[in-house]
Amino acid sequence: MEYTTLGWTDEKISRIGLGTWQYSETWGLTDYDVAKKVIGKAIEVGINFFDTAMVYGRGMSEEFLGKALRELGVKRDEVFIATKIPGEFLNPDDVFKSVDRSLRRLGVNSIDLLQLHWPPCWHNYPTTSYARALERLIIQGKIRYIGVSNYPVALIEELRSALSITDIVSMQYRFNLAERWAEEELIPYAEANDLTFIPWSPLAKGALTGKYTLENIGLFRDLRTNEAVFHPSNFEKLIPLINALKELASKYGKTPSQVALNWLVRYSPVIVPIPGAKTPEQVVENAGAVGWELSFEDWMMLYDIAKNIKVTYVTW
């Protein structure tokens, strides 16, 4: 495993993290024993950066993660736990209540990284108000660092100006070879401000794994049904990219997923993807995305193929 530091801090985190959004009824992994095996394998292969959220499974993900780490005998300082607070909970009073419940579910005394999952778009909580509440939690030792997720740059600037004793350390957004809008301003902002950039959906919900084809995408009846990249009109555009990933996988003795993730981590030193995993084998595969690198020529080949892909989100 390769390691890097979180933003401007000295905290060491694995270059590939483990996303735990799949521990929910929505994504179908509700068997704790399976989740424990996945988390245990992540520890075994050197992953120490775990990403969860209060809304994943209405707390199930946090509960599974905390319980597994305890039962596996993992020392608290051996892992870096990141969770997320939804915009609806950013009422200053709810900030304290939600973090307290998150701490209880995780079974820890402090959260390493609390990320604002999305802005409070529908409730209009003032940025300065929840910024104050977040900083009280830092002073109380209940959270250590603050990050943002799905925030536009203008609102990041507003949040940073409202913070008095700290600054954000990370930014989390959708980013993968097929969906690259983050390149326009988000990744440059992270690089310019020494912030870790955490891509969610780094494999486009599995579209880049080589598992799916135009013939079988309609057979999967889960959340992918409503994902734009899996609409036939969009998936057809991905085929040249998927074929290129397969060719490079054969060349390097890797899998298409490992090639796609390696492309991301070689894009910028600030990038730390958090692919999910439903089996221990998938964890091993994800971890194998580092420890080697694509040649510049092969990296550019994927860059050129992918830059011509335009995913259309209006599909109905």
C-alpha atoms as a PDB file:
ATOM      1  CA  MET A   1       0.000   0.000   0.000  1.00  0.00           C
ATOM      2  CA  GLU A   2       1.110   3.543  -0.691  1.00  0.00           C
ATOM      3  CA  TYR A   3       0.460   6.317   1.809  1.00  0.00           C
ATOM      4  CA  THR A   4       0.101  10.065   1.681  1.00  0.00           C
ATOM      5  CA  THR A   5      -0.766  12.849   4.093  1.00  0.00           C
ATOM      6  CA  LEU A   6      -4.207  14.321   4.593  1.00  0.00           C
ATOM      7  CA  GLY A   7      -4.231  17.843   3.177  1.00  0.00           C
ATOM      8  CA  TRP A   8      -1.994  20.211   5.093  1.00  0.00           C
ATOM      9  CA  THR A   9      -1.804  17.870   8.126  1.00  0.00           C
ATOM     10  CA  ASP A  10       0.772  15.243   9.063  1.00  0.00           C
ATOM     11  CA  GLU A  11      -1.875  12.510   9.224  1.00  0.00           C
ATOM     12  CA  LYS A  12      -0.845   9.422   7.228  1.00  0.00           C
ATOM     13  CA  ILE A  13      -3.635   7.851   5.192  1.00  0.00           C
ATOM     14  CA  SER A  14      -3.610   5.055   2.638  1.00  0.00           C
ATOM     15  CA  ARG A  15      -3.651   6.163  -0.992  1.00  0.00           C
ATOM     16  CA  ILE A  16      -6.673   3.941  -1.530  1.00  0.00           C
ATOM     17  CA  GLY A  17      -9.421   4.180   1.075  1.00  0.00           C
ATOM     18  CA  LEU A  18     -12.465   2.012   1.684  1.00  0.00           C
ATOM     19  CA  GLY A  19     -15.876   3.520   1.053  1.00  0.00           C
ATOM     20  CA  THR A  20     -18.610   1.932   3.177  1.00  0.00           C
ATOM     21  CA  TRP A  21     -21.767   3.324   1.557  1.00  0.00           C
ATOM     22  CA  GLN A  22     -22.701  -0.240   0.584  1.00  0.00           C
ATOM     23  CA  TYR A  23     -23.609  -1.198   4.161  1.00  0.00           C
ATOM     24  CA  SER A  24     -27.274  -0.385   3.759  1.00  0.00           C
ATOM     25  CA  GLU A  25     -30.500  -1.920   2.562  1.00  0.00           C
ATOM     26  CA  THR A  26     -30.280   0.320  -0.482  1.00  0.00           C
ATOM     27  CA  TRP A  27     -27.109  -1.370  -1.727  1.00  0.00           C
ATOM     28  CA  GLY A  28     -27.863  -4.756  -0.244  1.00  0.00           C
ATOM     29  CA  LEU A  29     -24.958  -5.447   2.096  1.00  0.00           C
ATOM     30  CA  THR A  30     -26.729  -5.835   5.423  1.00  0.00           C
ATOM     31  CA  ASP A  31     -24.859  -8.919   6.660  1.00  0.00           C
ATOM     32  CA  TYR A  32     -22.536  -7.741   9.419  1.00  0.00           C
ATOM     33  CA  ASP A  33     -20.306 -10.820   9.192  1.00  0.00           C
ATOM     34  CA  VAL A  34     -19.595 -10.066   5.535  1.00  0.00           C
ATOM     35  CA  ALA A  35     -18.934  -6.414   6.318  1.00  0.00           C
ATOM     36  CA  LYS A  36     -16.501  -7.441   9.065  1.00  0.00           C
ATOM     37  CA  LYS A  37     -14.590  -9.666   6.641  1.00  0.00           C
ATOM     38  CA  VAL A  38     -14.364  -6.805   4.140  1.00  0.00           C
ATOM     39  CA  ILE A  39     -13.099  -4.381   6.777  1.00  0.00           C
ATOM     40  CA  GLY A  40     -10.688  -6.978   8.132  1.00  0.00           C
ATOM     41  CA  LYS A  41      -9.233  -7.573   4.680  1.00  0.00           C
ATOM     42  CA  ALA A  42      -8.830  -3.825   4.222  1.00  0.00           C
ATOM     43  CA  ILE A  43      -6.759  -3.655   7.404  1.00  0.00           C
ATOM     44  CA  GLU A  44      -4.748  -6.667   6.253  1.00  0.00           C
ATOM     45  CA  VAL A  45      -3.772  -5.078   2.931  1.00  0.00           C
ATOM     46  CA  GLY A  46      -2.768  -1.787   4.560  1.00  0.00           C
ATOM     47  CA  ILE A  47      -5.855   0.376   4.103  1.00  0.00           C
ATOM     48  CA  ASN A  48      -6.257   2.687   7.098  1.00  0.00           C
ATOM     49  CA  PHE A  49      -8.608   5.316   5.638  1.00  0.00           C
ATOM     50  CA  PHE A  50     -12.304   4.470   6.061  1.00  0.00           C
ATOM     51  CA  ASP A  51     -15.089   6.674   4.723  1.00  0.00           C
ATOM     52  CA  THR A  52     -18.669   6.424   5.960  1.00  0.00           C
ATOM     53  CA  ALA A  53     -21.626   8.754   6.533  1.00  0.00           C
ATOM     54  CA  MET A  54     -24.473   9.256   8.960  1.00  0.00           C
ATOM     55  CA  VAL A  55     -27.047   8.625   6.226  1.00  0.00           C
ATOM     56  CA  TYR A  56     -25.607   5.347   4.917  1.00  0.00           C
ATOM     57  CA  GLY A  57     -28.155   2.773   6.005  1.00  0.00           C
ATOM     58  CA  ARG A  58     -29.491   5.331   8.510  1.00  0.00           C
ATOM     59  CA  GLY A  59     -26.444   4.694  10.666  1.00  0.00           C
ATOM     60  CA  MET A  60     -25.887   1.037   9.764  1.00  0.00           C
ATOM     61  CA  SER A  61     -22.611   1.777   7.986  1.00  0.00           C
ATOM     62  CA  GLU A  62     -21.170   3.611  10.990  1.00  0.00           C
ATOM     63  CA  GLU A  63     -22.324   0.856  13.344  1.00  0.00           C
ATOM     64  CA  PHE A  64     -20.820  -1.904  11.190  1.00  0.00           C
ATOM     65  CA  LEU A  65     -17.530  -0.058  10.786  1.00  0.00           C
ATOM     66  CA  GLY A  66     -17.104   0.751  14.472  1.00  0.00           C
ATOM     67  CA  LYS A  67     -18.114  -2.715  15.662  1.00  0.00           C
ATOM     68  CA  ALA A  68     -15.848  -4.469  13.158  1.00  0.00           C
ATOM     69  CA  LEU A  69     -12.809  -2.391  14.075  1.00  0.00           C
ATOM     70  CA  ARG A  70     -13.348  -3.151  17.763  1.00  0.00           C
ATOM     71  CA  GLU A  71     -13.892  -6.870  17.255  1.00  0.00           C
ATOM     72  CA  LEU A  72     -10.847  -7.076  14.987  1.00  0.00           C
ATOM     73  CA  GLY A  73      -8.760  -5.574  17.765  1.00  0.00           C
ATOM     74  CA  VAL A  74      -7.691  -2.590  15.702  1.00  0.00           C
ATOM     75  CA  LYS A  75      -6.107   0.144  17.806  1.00  0.00           C
ATOM     76  CA  ARG A  76      -7.766   3.523  17.473  1.00  0.00           C
ATOM     77  CA  ASP A  77      -4.631   5.266  16.211  1.00  0.00           C
ATOM     78  CA  GLU A  78      -4.136   2.640  13.504  1.00  0.00           C
ATOM     79  CA  VAL A  79      -7.112   3.840  11.452  1.00  0.00           C
ATOM     80  CA  PHE A  80      -8.393   7.175  10.212  1.00  0.00           C
ATOM     81  CA  ILE A  81     -12.181   7.393  10.308  1.00  0.00           C
ATOM     82  CA  ALA A  82     -14.019   9.871   8.100  1.00  0.00           C
ATOM     83  CA  THR A  83     -17.770  10.287   8.290  1.00  0.00           C
ATOM     84  CA  LYS A  84     -20.189  12.815   6.827  1.00  0.00           C
ATOM     85  CA  ILE A  85     -22.968  14.979   8.213  1.00  0.00           C
ATOM     86  CA  PRO A  86     -25.877  15.686   5.825  1.00  0.00           C
ATOM     87  CA  GLY A  87     -26.893  19.229   5.030  1.00  0.00           C
ATOM     88  CA  GLU A  88     -30.220  18.730   6.815  1.00  0.00           C
ATOM     89  CA  PHE A  89     -28.330  18.231  10.102  1.00  0.00           C
ATOM     90  CA  LEU A  90     -26.370  21.487   9.864  1.00  0.00           C
ATOM     91  CA  ASN A  91     -28.773  23.377  12.071  1.00  0.00           C
ATOM     92  CA  PRO A  92     -26.323  24.389  14.849  1.00  0.00           C
ATOM     93  CA  ASP A  93     -28.308  22.468  17.487  1.00  0.00           C
ATOM     94  CA  ASP A  94     -28.504  19.369  15.313  1.00  0.00           C
ATOM     95  CA  VAL A  95     -24.769  19.476  14.623  1.00  0.00           C
ATOM     96  CA  PHE A  96     -24.055  18.592  18.256  1.00  0.00           C
ATOM     97  CA  LYS A  97     -26.804  15.984  18.465  1.00  0.00           C
ATOM     98  CA  SER A  98     -25.877  14.251  15.202  1.00  0.00           C
ATOM     99  CA  VAL A  99     -22.159  14.104  15.973  1.00  0.00           C
ATOM    100  CA  ASP A 100     -22.895  12.679  19.415  1.00  0.00           C
ATOM    101  CA  ARG A 101     -24.997   9.922  17.856  1.00  0.00           C
ATOM    102  CA  SER A 102     -22.341   9.282  15.221  1.00  0.00           C
ATOM    103  CA  LEU A 103     -19.704   8.880  17.938  1.00  0.00           C
ATOM    104  CA  ARG A 104     -21.932   6.379  19.719  1.00  0.00           C
ATOM    105  CA  ARG A 105     -22.532   4.344  16.567  1.00  0.00           C
ATOM    106  CA  LEU A 106     -18.832   4.285  15.745  1.00  0.00           C
ATOM    107  CA  GLY A 107     -17.908   3.578  19.355  1.00  0.00           C
ATOM    108  CA  VAL A 108     -15.122   6.164  19.400  1.00  0.00           C
ATOM    109  CA  ASN A 109     -14.330   9.265  21.410  1.00  0.00           C
ATOM    110  CA  SER A 110     -13.554  11.436  18.400  1.00  0.00           C
ATOM    111  CA  ILE A 111     -14.112  11.517  14.649  1.00  0.00           C
ATOM    112  CA  ASP A 112     -10.932  12.031  12.658  1.00  0.00           C
ATOM    113  CA  LEU A 113     -12.572  13.794   9.712  1.00  0.00           C
ATOM    114  CA  LEU A 114     -16.108  15.178   9.696  1.00  0.00           C
ATOM    115  CA  GLN A 115     -17.168  16.051   6.158  1.00  0.00           C
ATOM    116  CA  LEU A 116     -20.167  18.211   5.290  1.00  0.00           C
ATOM    117  CA  HIS A 117     -21.993  15.769   3.008  1.00  0.00           C
ATOM    118  CA  TRP A 118     -23.767  18.478   1.027  1.00  0.00           C
ATOM    119  CA  PRO A 119     -24.790  22.091   1.679  1.00  0.00           C
ATOM    120  CA  PRO A 120     -28.039  22.802   3.597  1.00  0.00           C
ATOM    121  CA  CYS A 121     -29.723  23.729   0.319  1.00  0.00           C
ATOM    122  CA  TRP A 122     -33.304  23.197   1.470  1.00  0.00           C
ATOM    123  CA  HIS A 123     -33.083  24.622   4.986  1.00  0.00           C
ATOM    124  CA  ASN A 124     -30.964  27.751   4.517  1.00  0.00           C
ATOM    125  CA  TYR A 125     -28.880  27.406   7.668  1.00  0.00           C
ATOM    126  CA  PRO A 126     -26.345  30.251   7.702  1.00  0.00           C
ATOM    127  CA  THR A 127     -22.803  29.103   7.010  1.00  0.00           C
ATOM    128  CA  THR A 128     -21.400  31.101   9.917  1.00  0.00           C
ATOM    129  CA  SER A 129     -23.797  29.406  12.353  1.00  0.00           C
ATOM    130  CA  TYR A 130     -22.818  25.825  11.603  1.00  0.00           C
ATOM    131  CA  ALA A 131     -19.164  26.821  11.216  1.00  0.00           C
ATOM    132  CA  ARG A 132     -19.259  28.024  14.831  1.00  0.00           C
ATOM    133  CA  ALA A 133     -20.841  24.760  15.977  1.00  0.00           C
ATOM    134  CA  LEU A 134     -18.244  22.664  14.144  1.00  0.00           C
ATOM    135  CA  GLU A 135     -15.430  24.593  15.762  1.00  0.00           C
ATOM    136  CA  ARG A 136     -16.945  24.044  19.222  1.00  0.00           C
ATOM    137  CA  LEU A 137     -16.719  20.310  18.509  1.00  0.00           C
ATOM    138  CA  ILE A 138     -13.065  20.662  17.572  1.00  0.00           C
ATOM    139  CA  ILE A 139     -12.394  22.546  20.804  1.00  0.00           C
ATOM    140  CA  GLN A 140     -14.219  19.791  22.722  1.00  0.00           C
ATOM    141  CA  GLY A 141     -12.080  17.148  20.978  1.00  0.00           C
ATOM    142  CA  LYS A 142     -15.058  15.423  19.364  1.00  0.00           C
ATOM    143  CA  ILE A 143     -13.873  16.007  15.791  1.00  0.00           C
ATOM    144  CA  ARG A 144     -10.311  16.558  14.652  1.00  0.00           C
ATOM    145  CA  TYR A 145     -10.625  17.900  11.108  1.00  0.00           C
ATOM    146  CA  ILE A 146     -13.320  19.281   8.806  1.00  0.00           C
ATOM    147  CA  GLY A 147     -13.851  18.502   5.130  1.00  0.00           C
ATOM    148  CA  VAL A 148     -16.499  19.261   2.513  1.00  0.00           C
ATOM    149  CA  SER A 149     -18.357  17.074   0.053  1.00  0.00           C
ATOM    150  CA  ASN A 150     -20.347  18.247  -2.957  1.00  0.00           C
ATOM    151  CA  TYR A 151     -19.782  21.921  -2.120  1.00  0.00           C
ATOM    152  CA  PRO A 152     -19.259  24.494  -4.905  1.00  0.00           C
ATOM    153  CA  VAL A 153     -16.061  26.522  -4.677  1.00  0.00           C
ATOM    154  CA  ALA A 154     -17.908  29.744  -3.829  1.00  0.00           C
ATOM    155  CA  LEU A 155     -19.516  28.126  -0.799  1.00  0.00           C
ATOM    156  CA  ILE A 156     -16.196  26.556   0.231  1.00  0.00           C
ATOM    157  CA  GLU A 157     -14.722  30.041   0.251  1.00  0.00           C
ATOM    158  CA  GLU A 158     -17.584  31.285   2.410  1.00  0.00           C
ATOM    159  CA  LEU A 159     -17.152  28.395   4.838  1.00  0.00           C
ATOM    160  CA  ARG A 160     -13.402  28.891   5.103  1.00  0.00           C
ATOM    161  CA  SER A 161     -13.855  32.572   5.808  1.00  0.00           C
ATOM    162  CA  ALA A 162     -16.319  31.696   8.588  1.00  0.00           C
ATOM    163  CA  LEU A 163     -13.876  29.371  10.359  1.00  0.00           C
ATOM    164  CA  SER A 164     -11.759  30.967  13.068  1.00  0.00           C
ATOM    165  CA  ILE A 165      -9.499  28.294  14.567  1.00  0.00           C
ATOM    166  CA  THR A 166      -9.086  25.786  11.759  1.00  0.00           C
ATOM    167  CA  ASP A 167      -9.468  25.256   8.015  1.00  0.00           C
ATOM    168  CA  ILE A 168     -10.909  22.465   5.904  1.00  0.00           C
ATOM    169  CA  VAL A 169      -8.495  19.675   4.938  1.00  0.00           C
ATOM    170  CA  SER A 170     -10.382  17.796   2.221  1.00  0.00           C
ATOM    171  CA  MET A 171     -12.911  17.891  -0.611  1.00  0.00           C
ATOM    172  CA  GLN A 172     -15.030  14.910  -1.738  1.00  0.00           C
ATOM    173  CA  TYR A 173     -16.796  14.776  -5.123  1.00  0.00           C
ATOM    174  CA  ARG A 174     -17.832  12.494  -7.967  1.00  0.00           C
ATOM    175  CA  PHE A 175     -14.801  11.915 -10.187  1.00  0.00           C
ATOM    176  CA  ASN A 176     -13.831   9.066 -12.472  1.00  0.00           C
ATOM    177  CA  LEU A 177     -12.564   8.561 -15.994  1.00  0.00           C
ATOM    178  CA  ALA A 178     -16.055   8.858 -17.442  1.00  0.00           C
ATOM    179  CA  GLU A 179     -17.281  11.803 -15.342  1.00  0.00           C
ATOM    180  CA  ARG A 180     -14.579  14.444 -15.157  1.00  0.00           C
ATOM    181  CA  TRP A 181     -16.203  17.796 -14.431  1.00  0.00           C
ATOM    182  CA  ALA A 182     -14.181  18.017 -11.214  1.00  0.00           C
ATOM    183  CA  GLU A 183     -11.138  18.765 -13.365  1.00  0.00           C
ATOM    184  CA  GLU A 184     -12.507  22.184 -14.266  1.00  0.00           C
ATOM    185  CA  GLU A 185     -12.213  23.952 -10.907  1.00  0.00           C
ATOM    186  CA  LEU A 186     -12.510  21.539  -7.971  1.00  0.00           C
ATOM    187  CA  ILE A 187      -9.259  19.593  -8.318  1.00  0.00           C
ATOM    188  CA  PRO A 188      -7.261  22.749  -9.178  1.00  0.00           C
ATOM    189  CA  TYR A 189      -8.720  24.359  -6.042  1.00  0.00           C
ATOM    190  CA  ALA A 190      -7.680  21.381  -3.909  1.00  0.00           C
ATOM    191  CA  GLU A 191      -4.175  21.424  -5.375  1.00  0.00           C
ATOM    192  CA  ALA A 192      -3.777  25.169  -4.882  1.00  0.00           C
ATOM    193  CA  ASN A 193      -4.880  24.981  -1.245  1.00  0.00           C
ATOM    194  CA  ASP A 194      -3.102  21.800  -0.133  1.00  0.00           C
ATOM    195  CA  LEU A 195      -6.354  19.890   0.336  1.00  0.00           C
ATOM    196  CA  THR A 196      -6.897  16.176  -0.198  1.00  0.00           C
ATOM    197  CA  PHE A 197      -9.336  15.441  -3.024  1.00  0.00           C
ATOM    198  CA  ILE A 198     -11.448  12.330  -2.383  1.00  0.00           C
ATOM    199  CA  PRO A 199     -13.251  10.964  -5.468  1.00  0.00           C
ATOM    200  CA  TRP A 200     -16.478   9.156  -4.756  1.00  0.00           C
ATOM    201  CA  SER A 201     -17.782   6.805  -7.433  1.00  0.00           C
ATOM    202  CA  PRO A 202     -14.179   6.412  -8.694  1.00  0.00           C
ATOM    203  CA  LEU A 203     -15.274   3.482 -10.888  1.00  0.00           C
ATOM    204  CA  ALA A 204     -18.502   5.143 -12.086  1.00  0.00           C
ATOM    205  CA  LYS A 205     -20.642   2.860  -9.892  1.00  0.00           C
ATOM    206  CA  GLY A 206     -18.913  -0.128 -11.478  1.00  0.00           C
ATOM    207  CA  ALA A 207     -19.344   0.925 -15.101  1.00  0.00           C
ATOM    208  CA  LEU A 208     -15.555   0.923 -15.574  1.00  0.00           C
ATOM    209  CA  THR A 209     -14.911  -2.510 -14.059  1.00  0.00           C
ATOM    210  CA  GLY A 210     -15.457  -4.398 -17.308  1.00  0.00           C
ATOM    211  CA  LYS A 211     -18.283  -6.362 -15.706  1.00  0.00           C
ATOM    212  CA  TYR A 212     -21.055  -4.667 -17.638  1.00  0.00           C
ATOM    213  CA  THR A 213     -21.995  -4.678 -21.316  1.00  0.00           C
ATOM    214  CA  LEU A 214     -24.756  -3.151 -23.386  1.00  0.00           C
ATOM    215  CA  GLU A 215     -26.398  -6.568 -23.335  1.00  0.00           C
ATOM    216  CA  ASN A 216     -26.463  -7.040 -19.558  1.00  0.00           C
ATOM    217  CA  ILE A 217     -26.866  -3.572 -18.044  1.00  0.00           C
ATOM    218  CA  GLY A 218     -30.644  -3.927 -18.106  1.00  0.00           C
ATOM    219  CA  LEU A 219     -30.468  -7.081 -16.006  1.00  0.00           C
ATOM    220  CA  PHE A 220     -29.185  -5.309 -12.889  1.00  0.00           C
ATOM    221  CA  ARG A 221     -32.107  -4.048 -10.836  1.00  0.00           C
ATOM    222  CA  ASP A 222     -30.504  -1.839  -8.219  1.00  0.00           C
ATOM    223  CA  LEU A 223     -29.564   1.828  -7.926  1.00  0.00           C
ATOM    224  CA  ARG A 224     -27.588   1.541 -11.144  1.00  0.00           C
ATOM    225  CA  THR A 225     -30.915   1.523 -12.967  1.00  0.00           C
ATOM    226  CA  ASN A 226     -31.176   5.265 -12.355  1.00  0.00           C
ATOM    227  CA  GLU A 227     -27.509   6.093 -12.909  1.00  0.00           C
ATOM    228  CA  ALA A 228     -26.922   8.067 -16.092  1.00  0.00           C
ATOM    229  CA  VAL A 229     -23.743   6.165 -17.002  1.00  0.00           C
ATOM    230  CA  PHE A 230     -25.783   2.956 -17.216  1.00  0.00           C
ATOM    231  CA  HIS A 231     -28.359   4.369 -19.595  1.00  0.00           C
ATOM    232  CA  PRO A 232     -27.720   2.652 -22.972  1.00  0.00           C
ATOM    233  CA  SER A 233     -27.226   5.983 -24.756  1.00  0.00           C
ATOM    234  CA  ASN A 234     -24.416   6.837 -22.338  1.00  0.00           C
ATOM    235  CA  PHE A 235     -22.987   3.373 -21.755  1.00  0.00           C
ATOM    236  CA  GLU A 236     -22.449   3.002 -25.491  1.00  0.00           C
ATOM    237  CA  LYS A 237     -20.092   5.998 -25.303  1.00  0.00           C
ATOM    238  CA  LEU A 238     -18.067   4.226 -22.608  1.00  0.00           C
ATOM    239  CA  ILE A 239     -17.314   1.131 -24.663  1.00  0.00           C
ATOM    240  CA  PRO A 240     -14.062   2.453 -26.260  1.00  0.00           C
ATOM    241  CA  LEU A 241     -12.852   3.439 -22.777  1.00  0.00           C
ATOM    242  CA  ILE A 242     -13.834   0.093 -21.240  1.00  0.00           C
ATOM    243  CA  ASN A 243     -12.066  -1.740 -24.069  1.00  0.00           C
ATOM    244  CA  ALA A 244      -8.941   0.357 -23.516  1.00  0.00           C
ATOM    245  CA  LEU A 245      -9.033  -0.416 -19.788  1.00  0.00           C
ATOM    246  CA  LYS A 246      -9.252  -4.129 -20.594  1.00  0.00           C
ATOM    247  CA  GLU A 247      -6.328  -3.923 -23.021  1.00  0.00           C
ATOM    248  CA  LEU A 248      -4.136  -2.126 -20.489  1.00  0.00           C
ATOM    249  CA  ALA A 249      -5.213  -4.535 -17.761  1.00  0.00           C
ATOM    250  CA  SER A 250      -3.902  -7.385 -19.898  1.00  0.00           C
ATOM    251  CA  LYS A 251      -0.680  -5.472 -20.621  1.00  0.00           C
ATOM    252  CA  TYR A 252       0.086  -4.751 -16.962  1.00  0.00           C
ATOM    253  CA  GLY A 253      -1.292  -7.954 -15.478  1.00  0.00           C
ATOM    254  CA  LYS A 254      -3.982  -5.993 -13.648  1.00  0.00           C
ATOM    255  CA  THR A 255      -7.758  -5.639 -13.808  1.00  0.00           C
ATOM    256  CA  PRO A 256      -9.731  -2.860 -15.519  1.00  0.00           C
ATOM    257  CA  SER A 257     -10.691  -1.513 -12.074  1.00  0.00           C
ATOM    258  CA  GLN A 258      -7.054  -1.333 -10.995  1.00  0.00           C
ATOM    259  CA  VAL A 259      -6.110   0.500 -14.178  1.00  0.00           C
ATOM    260  CA  ALA A 260      -8.966   2.997 -13.768  1.00  0.00           C
ATOM    261  CA  LEU A 261      -8.022   3.679 -10.133  1.00  0.00           C
ATOM    262  CA  ASN A 262      -4.323   3.944 -10.966  1.00  0.00           C
ATOM    263  CA  TRP A 263      -5.190   6.577 -13.562  1.00  0.00           C
ATOM    264  CA  LEU A 264      -6.896   8.598 -10.824  1.00  0.00           C
ATOM    265  CA  VAL A 265      -4.071   8.459  -8.280  1.00  0.00           C
ATOM    266  CA  ARG A 266      -1.551   9.374 -10.984  1.00  0.00           C
ATOM    267  CA  TYR A 267      -3.702  12.338 -11.987  1.00  0.00           C
ATOM    268  CA  SER A 268      -2.657  14.280  -8.897  1.00  0.00           C
ATOM    269  CA  PRO A 269      -0.835  13.624  -5.619  1.00  0.00           C
ATOM    270  CA  VAL A 270      -3.803  15.090  -3.717  1.00  0.00           C
ATOM    271  CA  ILE A 271      -6.216  12.391  -4.938  1.00  0.00           C
ATOM    272  CA  VAL A 272      -7.298   9.561  -2.609  1.00  0.00           C
ATOM    273  CA  PRO A 273     -10.101   7.411  -4.112  1.00  0.00           C
ATOM    274  CA  ILE A 274     -12.530   5.545  -1.844  1.00  0.00           C
ATOM    275  CA  PRO A 275     -13.919   2.614  -3.851  1.00  0.00           C
ATOM    276  CA  GLY A 276     -16.416   0.419  -2.068  1.00  0.00           C
ATOM    277  CA  ALA A 277     -16.198  -3.344  -1.756  1.00  0.00           C
ATOM    278  CA  LYS A 278     -18.789  -6.012  -1.091  1.00  0.00           C
ATOM    279  CA  THR A 279     -16.304  -8.877  -0.746  1.00  0.00           C
ATOM    280  CA  PRO A 280     -12.770  -9.294   0.637  1.00  0.00           C
ATOM    281  CA  GLU A 281     -11.638 -10.115  -2.892  1.00  0.00           C
ATOM    282  CA  GLN A 282     -12.787  -6.711  -4.119  1.00  0.00           C
ATOM    283  CA  VAL A 283     -10.788  -5.062  -1.332  1.00  0.00           C
ATOM    284  CA  VAL A 284      -7.640  -6.862  -2.476  1.00  0.00           C
ATOM    285  CA  GLU A 285      -8.356  -5.814  -6.053  1.00  0.00           C
ATOM    286  CA  ASN A 286      -8.831  -2.164  -5.091  1.00  0.00           C
ATOM    287  CA  ALA A 287      -5.653  -2.134  -3.016  1.00  0.00           C
ATOM    288  CA  GLY A 288      -3.784  -3.496  -6.029  1.00  0.00           C
ATOM    289  CA  ALA A 289      -4.434  -0.223  -7.857  1.00  0.00           C
ATOM    290  CA  VAL A 290      -1.270   1.224  -6.274  1.00  0.00           C
ATOM    291  CA  GLY A 291       2.294   0.005  -5.947  1.00  0.00           C
ATOM    292  CA  TRP A 292       2.791   0.373  -9.701  1.00  0.00           C
ATOM    293  CA  GLU A 293       1.971   3.002 -12.314  1.00  0.00           C
ATOM    294  CA  LEU A 294       0.795   3.399 -15.854  1.00  0.00           C
ATOM    295  CA  SER A 295       3.352   4.725 -18.310  1.00  0.00           C
ATOM    296  CA  PHE A 296       2.794   8.313 -19.337  1.00  0.00           C
ATOM    297  CA  GLU A 297       1.853   7.166 -22.849  1.00  0.00           C
ATOM    298  CA  ASP A 298      -0.808   4.784 -21.518  1.00  0.00           C
ATOM    299  CA  TRP A 299      -2.076   7.356 -19.026  1.00  0.00           C
ATOM    300  CA  MET A 300      -2.428   9.856 -21.889  1.00  0.00           C
ATOM    301  CA  MET A 301      -4.191   7.309 -24.071  1.00  0.00           C
ATOM    302  CA  LEU A 302      -6.908   6.940 -21.454  1.00  0.00           C
ATOM    303  CA  TYR A 303      -6.967  10.705 -20.955  1.00  0.00           C
ATOM    304  CA  ASP A 304      -7.590  11.282 -24.661  1.00  0.00           C
ATOM    305  CA  ILE A 305     -10.267   8.595 -24.983  1.00  0.00           C
ATOM    306  CA  ALA A 306     -12.102   9.755 -21.874  1.00  0.00           C
ATOM    307  CA  LYS A 307     -12.049  13.463 -22.641  1.00  0.00           C
ATOM    308  CA  ASN A 308     -14.354  12.880 -25.606  1.00  0.00           C
ATOM    309  CA  ILE A 309     -16.976  11.121 -23.473  1.00  0.00           C
ATOM    310  CA  LYS A 310     -19.894  13.363 -22.601  1.00  0.00           C
ATOM    311  CA  VAL A 311     -22.356  11.747 -20.220  1.00  0.00           C
ATOM    312  CA  THR A 312     -25.870  13.132 -20.669  1.00  0.00           C
ATOM    313  CA  TYR A 313     -27.779  13.249 -17.402  1.00  0.00           C
ATOM    314  CA  VAL A 314     -31.148  13.933 -18.968  1.00  0.00           C
ATOM    315  CA  THR A 315     -32.099  10.374 -19.836  1.00  0.00           C
ATOM    316  CA  TRP A 316     -35.877  10.405 -19.420  1.00  0.00           C
END
